[in-house]
């Protein structure tokens, strides 16, 4: 069983955003959360809620498991 790695989740959110070539403001606007929240997720200062993970997964067309670090693709 894999152990939860908050840093990996933070890296994946940032990586997905950069791959899509959008800023934190645009991502926040698209999924209807604050810009500060995106910054906190990417720096590991805060963890996204289940609802936000769902929104991120849908927006980036990846699984929630990928964002959480449970799967590598």
N, C-alpha and C. Protein backbone atom coordinates (compact mmCIF):
# COMPACT_ATOMS: atom_id res chain seq x y z
N UNK A 1 0.84 -1.18 0.00
CA UNK A 1 0.00 0.00 0.00
C UNK A 1 0.89 1.25 0.00
N UNK A 2 0.58 2.18 -0.90
CA UNK A 2 1.36 3.40 -0.98
C UNK A 2 1.02 4.33 0.17
N UNK A 3 2.01 5.11 0.56
CA UNK A 3 1.83 6.10 1.61
C UNK A 3 1.54 7.45 0.96
N UNK A 4 0.65 8.23 1.56
CA UNK A 4 0.30 9.53 1.01
C UNK A 4 1.51 10.46 1.06
N UNK A 5 1.80 11.08 -0.07
CA UNK A 5 2.92 12.00 -0.19
C UNK A 5 2.39 13.37 -0.61
N UNK A 6 2.26 14.26 0.36
CA UNK A 6 1.72 15.59 0.10
C UNK A 6 2.58 16.34 -0.91
N UNK A 7 3.89 16.16 -0.85
CA UNK A 7 4.78 16.84 -1.78
C UNK A 7 4.55 16.39 -3.21
N UNK A 8 4.32 15.10 -3.40
CA UNK A 8 4.05 14.58 -4.75
C UNK A 8 2.75 15.17 -5.29
N UNK A 9 1.73 15.26 -4.46
CA UNK A 9 0.47 15.85 -4.89
C UNK A 9 0.68 17.31 -5.29
N UNK A 10 1.43 18.04 -4.50
CA UNK A 10 1.72 19.45 -4.81
C UNK A 10 2.44 19.58 -6.14
N UNK A 11 3.44 18.72 -6.35
CA UNK A 11 4.20 18.73 -7.60
C UNK A 11 3.31 18.41 -8.80
N UNK A 12 2.42 17.46 -8.63
CA UNK A 12 1.56 17.06 -9.75
C UNK A 12 0.58 18.16 -10.13
N UNK A 13 0.04 18.84 -9.16
CA UNK A 13 -0.88 19.95 -9.47
C UNK A 13 -0.13 21.03 -10.25
N UNK A 14 1.06 21.37 -9.78
CA UNK A 14 1.86 22.39 -10.46
C UNK A 14 2.26 21.93 -11.86
N UNK A 15 2.69 20.69 -11.97
CA UNK A 15 3.11 20.12 -13.25
C UNK A 15 1.96 20.12 -14.26
N UNK A 16 0.78 19.71 -13.83
CA UNK A 16 -0.39 19.68 -14.72
C UNK A 16 -0.74 21.09 -15.19
N UNK A 17 -0.66 22.05 -14.29
CA UNK A 17 -0.97 23.43 -14.65
C UNK A 17 0.03 23.96 -15.66
N UNK A 18 1.31 23.67 -15.44
CA UNK A 18 2.34 24.16 -16.36
C UNK A 18 2.25 23.47 -17.72
N UNK A 19 1.91 22.18 -17.73
CA UNK A 19 1.75 21.46 -19.00
C UNK A 19 0.63 22.08 -19.84
N UNK A 20 -0.38 22.58 -19.17
CA UNK A 20 -1.50 23.21 -19.86
C UNK A 20 -1.19 24.68 -20.17
N UNK A 21 -0.04 25.14 -19.67
CA UNK A 21 0.45 26.49 -19.93
C UNK A 21 -0.54 27.57 -19.45
N UNK A 22 -1.00 27.40 -18.22
CA UNK A 22 -1.89 28.39 -17.62
C UNK A 22 -1.33 28.83 -16.27
N UNK A 23 -1.69 30.02 -15.86
CA UNK A 23 -1.26 30.54 -14.57
C UNK A 23 -2.19 30.10 -13.45
N UNK A 24 -1.78 30.37 -12.24
CA UNK A 24 -2.60 30.02 -11.08
C UNK A 24 -3.94 30.74 -11.12
N UNK A 25 -3.93 32.00 -11.56
CA UNK A 25 -5.18 32.76 -11.62
C UNK A 25 -6.19 32.11 -12.56
N UNK A 26 -5.73 31.71 -13.73
CA UNK A 26 -6.62 31.09 -14.73
C UNK A 26 -7.18 29.77 -14.21
N UNK A 27 -6.32 28.95 -13.60
CA UNK A 27 -6.79 27.68 -13.05
C UNK A 27 -7.83 27.91 -11.97
N UNK A 28 -7.55 28.84 -11.07
CA UNK A 28 -8.48 29.16 -9.99
C UNK A 28 -9.82 29.60 -10.55
N UNK A 29 -9.77 30.44 -11.56
CA UNK A 29 -11.00 30.92 -12.20
C UNK A 29 -11.78 29.77 -12.85
N UNK A 30 -11.05 28.90 -13.53
CA UNK A 30 -11.69 27.79 -14.25
C UNK A 30 -12.42 26.81 -13.30
N UNK A 31 -11.81 26.54 -12.15
CA UNK A 31 -12.44 25.56 -11.25
C UNK A 31 -13.14 26.23 -10.06
N UNK A 32 -13.24 27.55 -10.12
CA UNK A 32 -14.03 28.32 -9.15
C UNK A 32 -13.55 28.19 -7.70
N UNK A 33 -12.23 28.41 -7.54
CA UNK A 33 -11.66 28.50 -6.20
C UNK A 33 -10.74 29.72 -6.18
N UNK A 34 -10.19 30.05 -5.03
CA UNK A 34 -9.35 31.24 -4.93
C UNK A 34 -7.95 30.98 -5.48
N UNK A 35 -7.33 32.04 -5.96
CA UNK A 35 -5.96 31.95 -6.45
C UNK A 35 -5.03 31.53 -5.31
N UNK A 36 -5.29 32.03 -4.12
CA UNK A 36 -4.46 31.68 -2.96
C UNK A 36 -4.49 30.18 -2.71
N UNK A 37 -5.65 29.56 -2.91
CA UNK A 37 -5.76 28.12 -2.69
C UNK A 37 -4.83 27.35 -3.63
N UNK A 38 -4.80 27.74 -4.90
CA UNK A 38 -3.91 27.08 -5.86
C UNK A 38 -2.46 27.22 -5.39
N UNK A 39 -2.09 28.40 -4.98
CA UNK A 39 -0.74 28.64 -4.49
C UNK A 39 -0.44 27.76 -3.27
N UNK A 40 -1.37 27.68 -2.35
CA UNK A 40 -1.17 26.84 -1.16
C UNK A 40 -1.05 25.37 -1.52
N UNK A 41 -1.84 24.89 -2.48
CA UNK A 41 -1.76 23.49 -2.89
C UNK A 41 -0.39 23.20 -3.50
N UNK A 42 0.08 24.11 -4.34
CA UNK A 42 1.34 23.89 -5.03
C UNK A 42 2.55 23.99 -4.11
N UNK A 43 2.44 24.70 -3.03
CA UNK A 43 3.55 24.82 -2.08
C UNK A 43 3.41 23.85 -0.91
N UNK A 44 2.30 23.12 -0.87
CA UNK A 44 2.10 22.15 0.20
C UNK A 44 1.64 22.75 1.51
N UNK A 45 1.25 24.02 1.50
CA UNK A 45 0.78 24.67 2.73
C UNK A 45 -0.65 24.27 3.09
N UNK A 46 -1.36 23.77 2.11
CA UNK A 46 -2.76 23.37 2.32
C UNK A 46 -3.05 22.20 1.39
N UNK A 47 -3.95 21.32 1.81
CA UNK A 47 -4.36 20.20 0.97
C UNK A 47 -5.75 20.49 0.40
N UNK A 48 -5.95 20.16 -0.87
CA UNK A 48 -7.27 20.40 -1.47
C UNK A 48 -8.32 19.45 -0.88
N UNK A 49 -9.55 19.93 -0.88
CA UNK A 49 -10.66 19.09 -0.44
C UNK A 49 -10.92 18.02 -1.49
N UNK A 50 -11.72 17.04 -1.14
CA UNK A 50 -12.10 16.00 -2.11
C UNK A 50 -12.80 16.63 -3.31
N UNK A 51 -13.64 17.62 -3.06
CA UNK A 51 -14.35 18.30 -4.14
C UNK A 51 -13.37 18.99 -5.09
N UNK A 52 -12.35 19.62 -4.53
CA UNK A 52 -11.36 20.31 -5.36
C UNK A 52 -10.52 19.31 -6.14
N UNK A 53 -10.16 18.20 -5.53
CA UNK A 53 -9.42 17.16 -6.25
C UNK A 53 -10.26 16.66 -7.43
N UNK A 54 -11.55 16.49 -7.20
CA UNK A 54 -12.47 16.08 -8.27
C UNK A 54 -12.47 17.11 -9.40
N UNK A 55 -12.54 18.40 -9.04
CA UNK A 55 -12.53 19.47 -10.05
C UNK A 55 -11.22 19.49 -10.82
N UNK A 56 -10.11 19.34 -10.12
CA UNK A 56 -8.80 19.33 -10.77
C UNK A 56 -8.67 18.15 -11.73
N UNK A 57 -9.10 16.98 -11.27
CA UNK A 57 -9.03 15.78 -12.11
C UNK A 57 -9.85 15.96 -13.38
N UNK A 58 -11.04 16.49 -13.24
CA UNK A 58 -11.88 16.73 -14.41
C UNK A 58 -11.27 17.77 -15.33
N UNK A 59 -10.77 18.84 -14.78
CA UNK A 59 -10.21 19.92 -15.58
C UNK A 59 -9.00 19.44 -16.38
N UNK A 60 -8.13 18.68 -15.73
CA UNK A 60 -6.91 18.21 -16.39
C UNK A 60 -7.09 16.87 -17.10
N UNK A 61 -8.26 16.28 -16.98
CA UNK A 61 -8.56 15.00 -17.61
C UNK A 61 -7.59 13.90 -17.16
N UNK A 62 -7.40 13.85 -15.85
CA UNK A 62 -6.59 12.80 -15.22
C UNK A 62 -7.42 12.21 -14.08
N UNK A 63 -6.96 11.12 -13.53
CA UNK A 63 -7.69 10.53 -12.40
C UNK A 63 -7.32 11.24 -11.10
N UNK A 64 -8.24 11.19 -10.16
CA UNK A 64 -7.95 11.71 -8.83
C UNK A 64 -6.78 10.94 -8.22
N UNK A 65 -6.70 9.65 -8.53
CA UNK A 65 -5.59 8.82 -8.04
C UNK A 65 -4.25 9.35 -8.52
N UNK A 66 -4.21 9.86 -9.75
CA UNK A 66 -2.95 10.44 -10.26
C UNK A 66 -2.58 11.67 -9.43
N UNK A 67 -3.53 12.55 -9.22
CA UNK A 67 -3.26 13.76 -8.44
C UNK A 67 -2.80 13.40 -7.03
N UNK A 68 -3.41 12.39 -6.44
CA UNK A 68 -3.09 11.99 -5.08
C UNK A 68 -1.78 11.17 -4.99
N UNK A 69 -1.23 10.80 -6.16
CA UNK A 69 0.01 10.05 -6.16
C UNK A 69 -0.17 8.55 -6.02
N UNK A 70 -1.41 8.07 -6.17
CA UNK A 70 -1.67 6.63 -6.07
C UNK A 70 -1.36 5.90 -7.37
N UNK A 71 -1.41 6.63 -8.47
CA UNK A 71 -1.09 6.05 -9.78
C UNK A 71 -0.11 6.98 -10.49
N UNK A 72 0.66 6.41 -11.38
CA UNK A 72 1.67 7.19 -12.09
C UNK A 72 1.23 7.64 -13.47
N UNK A 73 0.00 7.32 -13.85
CA UNK A 73 -0.53 7.81 -15.13
C UNK A 73 -2.02 7.97 -15.07
